[in-house]
Amino acid sequence: MTGTVENQYDSHFELKQRKGLAKLGVEKNANWHGDPKRLIFVLSRYKFVAKMLSGKQNVLEIGCGDAFNSLPLSGYGE
């Protein structure tokens, strides 16, 4: 059973069934509800930094708040 009549979203609903919905951290949840543009800006900044860290063995993030963005960064190291 799918949640939409548009087939291109079937994989999204299958992922939801398999893994559930991802939860935002406390800070990012507040950004989403209060200032979604800020959340998009922060995520794009982390995407940029992740490219810079590609190939690095160790990364230390200090002052990361609820550490929500640490997960995307973790996939770019060796």
N, C-alpha and C. Protein backbone atom coordinates (compact mmCIF):
# COMPACT_ATOMS: atom_id res chain seq x y z
N MET A 1 0.84 -1.19 0.00
CA MET A 1 0.00 0.00 0.00
C MET A 1 0.88 1.24 0.00
N THR A 2 0.55 2.20 -0.85
CA THR A 2 1.32 3.44 -0.92
C THR A 2 0.50 4.58 -0.35
N GLY A 3 1.15 5.68 -0.08
CA GLY A 3 0.47 6.83 0.49
C GLY A 3 0.12 7.88 -0.54
N THR A 4 0.36 7.61 -1.81
CA THR A 4 0.10 8.60 -2.84
C THR A 4 -0.23 7.93 -4.16
N VAL A 5 -0.87 8.67 -5.04
CA VAL A 5 -1.16 8.14 -6.37
C VAL A 5 -0.01 8.41 -7.33
N GLU A 6 0.97 9.19 -6.89
CA GLU A 6 2.12 9.52 -7.73
C GLU A 6 3.23 8.51 -7.46
N ASN A 7 3.51 7.68 -8.45
CA ASN A 7 4.44 6.56 -8.28
C ASN A 7 5.86 6.98 -7.90
N GLN A 8 6.29 8.18 -8.27
CA GLN A 8 7.66 8.57 -7.98
C GLN A 8 7.92 8.69 -6.48
N TYR A 9 6.87 8.74 -5.67
CA TYR A 9 7.05 8.85 -4.22
C TYR A 9 6.92 7.52 -3.49
N ASP A 10 6.69 6.44 -4.22
CA ASP A 10 6.54 5.13 -3.59
C ASP A 10 7.75 4.76 -2.74
N SER A 11 8.95 5.03 -3.24
CA SER A 11 10.16 4.68 -2.47
C SER A 11 10.23 5.45 -1.16
N HIS A 12 9.69 6.66 -1.12
CA HIS A 12 9.68 7.45 0.11
C HIS A 12 8.80 6.77 1.16
N PHE A 13 7.66 6.26 0.72
CA PHE A 13 6.76 5.59 1.66
C PHE A 13 7.30 4.23 2.08
N GLU A 14 8.01 3.56 1.19
CA GLU A 14 8.65 2.30 1.55
C GLU A 14 9.72 2.53 2.61
N LEU A 15 10.51 3.61 2.45
CA LEU A 15 11.52 3.96 3.44
C LEU A 15 10.87 4.28 4.78
N LYS A 16 9.76 5.00 4.74
CA LYS A 16 9.03 5.32 5.97
C LYS A 16 8.59 4.04 6.67
N GLN A 17 8.11 3.07 5.92
CA GLN A 17 7.68 1.80 6.51
C GLN A 17 8.86 1.03 7.11
N ARG A 18 10.01 1.05 6.41
CA ARG A 18 11.19 0.30 6.86
C ARG A 18 11.87 0.94 8.06
N LYS A 19 12.09 2.26 7.99
CA LYS A 19 12.92 2.92 9.00
C LYS A 19 12.17 3.92 9.85
N GLY A 20 10.95 4.26 9.48
CA GLY A 20 10.21 5.29 10.22
C GLY A 20 10.65 6.68 9.78
N LEU A 21 10.09 7.68 10.40
CA LEU A 21 10.44 9.06 10.07
C LEU A 21 11.61 9.51 10.93
N ALA A 22 12.52 10.25 10.33
CA ALA A 22 13.65 10.80 11.07
C ALA A 22 13.16 11.93 11.97
N LYS A 23 13.75 12.03 13.15
CA LYS A 23 13.38 13.10 14.08
C LYS A 23 14.47 14.16 14.06
N LEU A 24 14.06 15.38 14.12
CA LEU A 24 15.00 16.49 14.20
C LEU A 24 15.44 16.64 15.66
N GLY A 25 16.61 17.20 15.87
CA GLY A 25 17.03 17.51 17.23
C GLY A 25 16.20 18.67 17.77
N VAL A 26 16.39 19.00 19.01
CA VAL A 26 15.61 20.05 19.67
C VAL A 26 15.78 21.40 18.95
N GLU A 27 17.02 21.76 18.66
CA GLU A 27 17.28 23.05 18.01
C GLU A 27 16.73 23.07 16.59
N LYS A 28 16.98 22.01 15.82
CA LYS A 28 16.52 21.98 14.42
C LYS A 28 15.00 21.91 14.34
N ASN A 29 14.37 21.27 15.30
CA ASN A 29 12.92 21.25 15.36
C ASN A 29 12.36 22.67 15.53
N ALA A 30 13.00 23.44 16.42
CA ALA A 30 12.57 24.83 16.62
C ALA A 30 12.81 25.65 15.36
N ASN A 31 13.93 25.40 14.66
CA ASN A 31 14.18 26.10 13.39
C ASN A 31 13.11 25.76 12.37
N TRP A 32 12.76 24.49 12.27
CA TRP A 32 11.77 24.05 11.29
C TRP A 32 10.43 24.76 11.51
N HIS A 33 10.03 24.87 12.77
CA HIS A 33 8.74 25.47 13.06
C HIS A 33 8.80 27.00 13.09
N GLY A 34 9.92 27.56 13.51
CA GLY A 34 10.01 29.00 13.66
C GLY A 34 10.62 29.74 12.48
N ASP A 35 11.62 29.12 11.84
CA ASP A 35 12.34 29.78 10.75
C ASP A 35 12.92 28.73 9.80
N PRO A 36 12.07 28.14 8.94
CA PRO A 36 12.55 27.07 8.06
C PRO A 36 13.70 27.50 7.15
N LYS A 37 13.76 28.78 6.78
CA LYS A 37 14.87 29.24 5.94
C LYS A 37 16.20 29.07 6.65
N ARG A 38 16.20 29.29 7.95
CA ARG A 38 17.43 29.12 8.72
C ARG A 38 17.88 27.66 8.68
N LEU A 39 16.94 26.74 8.82
CA LEU A 39 17.28 25.32 8.77
C LEU A 39 17.90 24.97 7.42
N ILE A 40 17.33 25.45 6.34
CA ILE A 40 17.86 25.19 5.01
C ILE A 40 19.27 25.78 4.87
N PHE A 41 19.46 26.99 5.39
CA PHE A 41 20.76 27.65 5.33
C PHE A 41 21.81 26.83 6.09
N VAL A 42 21.46 26.37 7.28
CA VAL A 42 22.40 25.60 8.09
C VAL A 42 22.75 24.28 7.40
N LEU A 43 21.75 23.59 6.86
CA LEU A 43 22.01 22.33 6.18
C LEU A 43 22.89 22.52 4.95
N SER A 44 22.67 23.61 4.21
CA SER A 44 23.51 23.85 3.03
C SER A 44 24.94 24.16 3.44
N ARG A 45 25.12 24.82 4.56
CA ARG A 45 26.46 25.10 5.07
C ARG A 45 27.18 23.80 5.42
N TYR A 46 26.48 22.88 6.05
CA TYR A 46 27.08 21.59 6.39
C TYR A 46 27.39 20.78 5.14
N LYS A 47 26.57 20.89 4.13
CA LYS A 47 26.86 20.18 2.88
C LYS A 47 28.16 20.70 2.27
N PHE A 48 28.34 22.01 2.29
CA PHE A 48 29.56 22.63 1.79
C PHE A 48 30.78 22.15 2.58
N VAL A 49 30.67 22.16 3.90
CA VAL A 49 31.79 21.74 4.76
C VAL A 49 32.09 20.26 4.56
N ALA A 50 31.05 19.46 4.38
CA ALA A 50 31.25 18.02 4.18
C ALA A 50 32.12 17.76 2.96
N LYS A 51 31.95 18.53 1.91
CA LYS A 51 32.79 18.38 0.72
C LYS A 51 34.25 18.73 1.03
N MET A 52 34.44 19.74 1.87
CA MET A 52 35.80 20.13 2.24
C MET A 52 36.48 19.05 3.10
N LEU A 53 35.69 18.30 3.84
CA LEU A 53 36.24 17.28 4.75
C LEU A 53 36.42 15.93 4.08
N SER A 54 36.03 15.83 2.84
CA SER A 54 36.13 14.55 2.14
C SER A 54 37.56 14.04 2.18
N GLY A 55 37.72 12.80 2.60
CA GLY A 55 39.05 12.18 2.67
C GLY A 55 39.77 12.37 3.99
N LYS A 56 39.24 13.19 4.87
CA LYS A 56 39.87 13.37 6.18
C LYS A 56 39.53 12.19 7.08
N GLN A 57 40.48 11.81 7.92
CA GLN A 57 40.25 10.67 8.80
C GLN A 57 39.49 11.05 10.06
N ASN A 58 39.77 12.19 10.63
CA ASN A 58 39.14 12.60 11.89
C ASN A 58 38.59 14.01 11.76
N VAL A 59 37.42 14.19 12.30
CA VAL A 59 36.78 15.51 12.32
C VAL A 59 36.23 15.73 13.72
N LEU A 60 36.47 16.89 14.27
CA LEU A 60 35.93 17.24 15.58
C LEU A 60 35.05 18.46 15.40
N GLU A 61 33.81 18.33 15.79
CA GLU A 61 32.88 19.45 15.72
C GLU A 61 32.63 19.94 17.14
N ILE A 62 32.93 21.20 17.39
CA ILE A 62 32.79 21.78 18.72
C ILE A 62 31.66 22.81 18.67
N GLY A 63 30.83 22.80 19.68
CA GLY A 63 29.73 23.75 19.73
C GLY A 63 28.64 23.41 18.73
N CYS A 64 28.32 22.13 18.64
CA CYS A 64 27.39 21.68 17.61
C CYS A 64 25.94 21.66 18.06
N GLY A 65 25.63 22.24 19.22
CA GLY A 65 24.23 22.28 19.67
C GLY A 65 23.69 20.88 19.92
N ASP A 66 22.66 20.51 19.19
CA ASP A 66 22.06 19.19 19.40
C ASP A 66 22.70 18.10 18.53
N ALA A 67 23.76 18.43 17.82
CA ALA A 67 24.55 17.49 17.02
C ALA A 67 23.77 16.86 15.86
N PHE A 68 22.67 17.46 15.48
CA PHE A 68 21.86 16.93 14.37
C PHE A 68 22.66 16.85 13.08
N ASN A 69 23.51 17.83 12.83
CA ASN A 69 24.25 17.87 11.57
C ASN A 69 25.50 17.01 11.57
N SER A 70 25.85 16.42 12.69
CA SER A 70 27.02 15.56 12.73
C SER A 70 26.82 14.30 11.90
N LEU A 71 25.61 13.82 11.80
CA LEU A 71 25.34 12.60 11.03
C LEU A 71 25.69 12.78 9.55
N PRO A 72 25.25 13.83 8.88
CA PRO A 72 25.66 13.98 7.48
C PRO A 72 27.17 14.08 7.31
N LEU A 73 27.85 14.70 8.25
CA LEU A 73 29.31 14.83 8.15
C LEU A 73 30.01 13.49 8.32
N SER A 74 29.41 12.59 9.07
CA SER A 74 30.09 11.33 9.39
C SER A 74 30.30 10.46 8.16
N GLY A 75 29.57 10.65 7.11
CA GLY A 75 29.71 9.82 5.92
C GLY A 75 30.79 10.27 4.96
N TYR A 76 31.47 11.38 5.25
CA TYR A 76 32.44 11.91 4.29
C TYR A 76 33.88 11.60 4.63
N GLY A 77 34.15 11.09 5.81
CA GLY A 77 35.53 10.75 6.18
C GLY A 77 35.94 9.41 5.59
N GLU A 78 37.18 9.04 5.83
CA GLU A 78 37.68 7.74 5.34
C GLU A 78 37.37 6.65 6.35
